[in-house]
Amino acid sequence: MGATYDPIKYMPKSLDELKKLKKLEPLVVHKLRTPLTTIRMYSEALLTDEHITDPTVKDYLKEIHDASLRMGDVLTILDPTTDQNK
């Protein structure tokens, strides 16, 4: 007769892995948020720089800035320390 699958046997391993991921999550969010903040700040500064007048460059900067804001929103959702996730 074949062996039967026992989900209880594998549960502690899964819970342990889940605990490890929960500990890793804030670190990953922080490590991504730090450079993302730099990208957002520099793109804002360049967008408001009166010496940059080329419309194509402005469009690229706007795309970079908007993408950084969207990525920031995703990090806020993933961040277990924000009020949104409590």
Protein backbone atom coordinates (compact mmCIF):
# COMPACT_ATOMS: atom_id res chain seq x y z
CA MET A 1 0.00 0.00 0.00
CA GLY A 2 1.27 3.52 -0.81
CA ALA A 3 2.23 6.13 1.74
CA THR A 4 -0.42 8.66 2.66
CA TYR A 5 0.14 12.40 2.74
CA ASP A 6 0.08 13.80 6.26
CA PRO A 7 -0.28 17.62 6.16
CA ILE A 8 0.30 17.86 9.92
CA LYS A 9 3.78 16.40 9.42
CA TYR A 10 4.72 19.34 7.20
CA MET A 11 2.96 22.10 9.12
CA PRO A 12 5.74 22.99 11.60
CA LYS A 13 8.19 23.42 8.75
CA SER A 14 5.75 25.67 6.94
CA LEU A 15 5.09 27.72 10.08
CA ASP A 16 8.82 28.05 10.68
CA GLU A 17 9.32 29.25 7.12
CA LEU A 18 6.44 31.69 7.55
CA LYS A 19 8.03 33.09 10.71
CA LYS A 20 11.33 33.55 8.88
CA LEU A 21 9.59 35.40 6.06
CA LYS A 22 7.77 37.64 8.54
CA LYS A 23 11.13 38.58 10.09
CA LEU A 24 12.66 39.22 6.67
CA GLU A 25 9.78 41.34 5.36
CA PRO A 26 10.55 44.60 7.24
CA LEU A 27 14.22 44.37 6.29
CA VAL A 28 13.42 43.93 2.60
CA VAL A 29 10.92 46.80 2.67
CA HIS A 30 13.50 49.05 4.34
CA LYS A 31 16.27 48.05 1.92
CA LEU A 32 13.99 48.88 -1.04
CA ARG A 33 12.48 52.04 0.43
CA THR A 34 15.84 53.75 1.05
CA PRO A 35 17.07 53.86 -2.57
CA LEU A 36 13.53 54.44 -3.79
CA THR A 37 13.31 57.57 -1.65
CA THR A 38 16.54 58.81 -3.21
CA ILE A 39 15.16 58.21 -6.71
CA ARG A 40 11.94 60.03 -5.82
CA MET A 41 13.74 63.01 -4.30
CA TYR A 42 16.19 63.43 -7.19
CA SER A 43 13.45 63.08 -9.78
CA GLU A 44 11.41 65.76 -7.97
CA ALA A 45 14.43 68.06 -7.86
CA LEU A 46 15.15 67.54 -11.55
CA LEU A 47 11.49 68.03 -12.50
CA THR A 48 11.49 71.45 -10.86
CA ASP A 49 14.93 72.46 -12.21
CA GLU A 50 14.34 75.46 -14.47
CA HIS A 51 17.49 74.63 -16.46
CA ILE A 52 15.96 71.41 -17.74
CA THR A 53 13.66 72.52 -20.53
CA ASP A 54 13.68 69.61 -22.98
CA PRO A 55 10.11 68.21 -22.99
CA THR A 56 11.34 64.67 -23.66
CA VAL A 57 13.64 64.81 -20.64
CA LYS A 58 10.78 66.21 -18.54
CA ASP A 59 8.54 63.34 -19.69
CA TYR A 60 11.19 60.78 -18.73
CA LEU A 61 11.66 62.41 -15.33
CA LYS A 62 7.90 62.42 -14.76
CA GLU A 63 7.74 58.70 -15.62
CA ILE A 64 10.57 57.98 -13.17
CA HIS A 65 8.91 60.03 -10.46
CA ASP A 66 5.47 58.49 -10.99
CA ALA A 67 6.93 54.97 -10.99
CA SER A 68 8.76 55.69 -7.74
CA LEU A 69 5.48 56.81 -6.15
CA ARG A 70 3.71 53.64 -7.30
CA MET A 71 6.53 51.48 -5.96
CA GLY A 72 6.34 53.38 -2.67
CA ASP A 73 2.64 52.55 -2.48
CA VAL A 74 3.43 48.86 -2.94
CA LEU A 75 6.07 49.01 -0.20
CA THR A 76 3.57 50.67 2.13
CA ILE A 77 1.17 47.78 1.55
CA LEU A 78 3.95 45.24 2.18
CA ASP A 79 5.38 47.02 5.23
CA PRO A 80 4.10 45.25 8.35
CA THR A 81 4.94 48.27 10.51
CA THR A 82 2.54 50.72 8.84
CA ASP A 83 -0.84 51.55 10.36
CA GLN A 84 -2.46 50.28 7.17
CA ASN A 85 -1.38 46.73 8.00
CA LYS A 86 -2.24 46.64 11.71
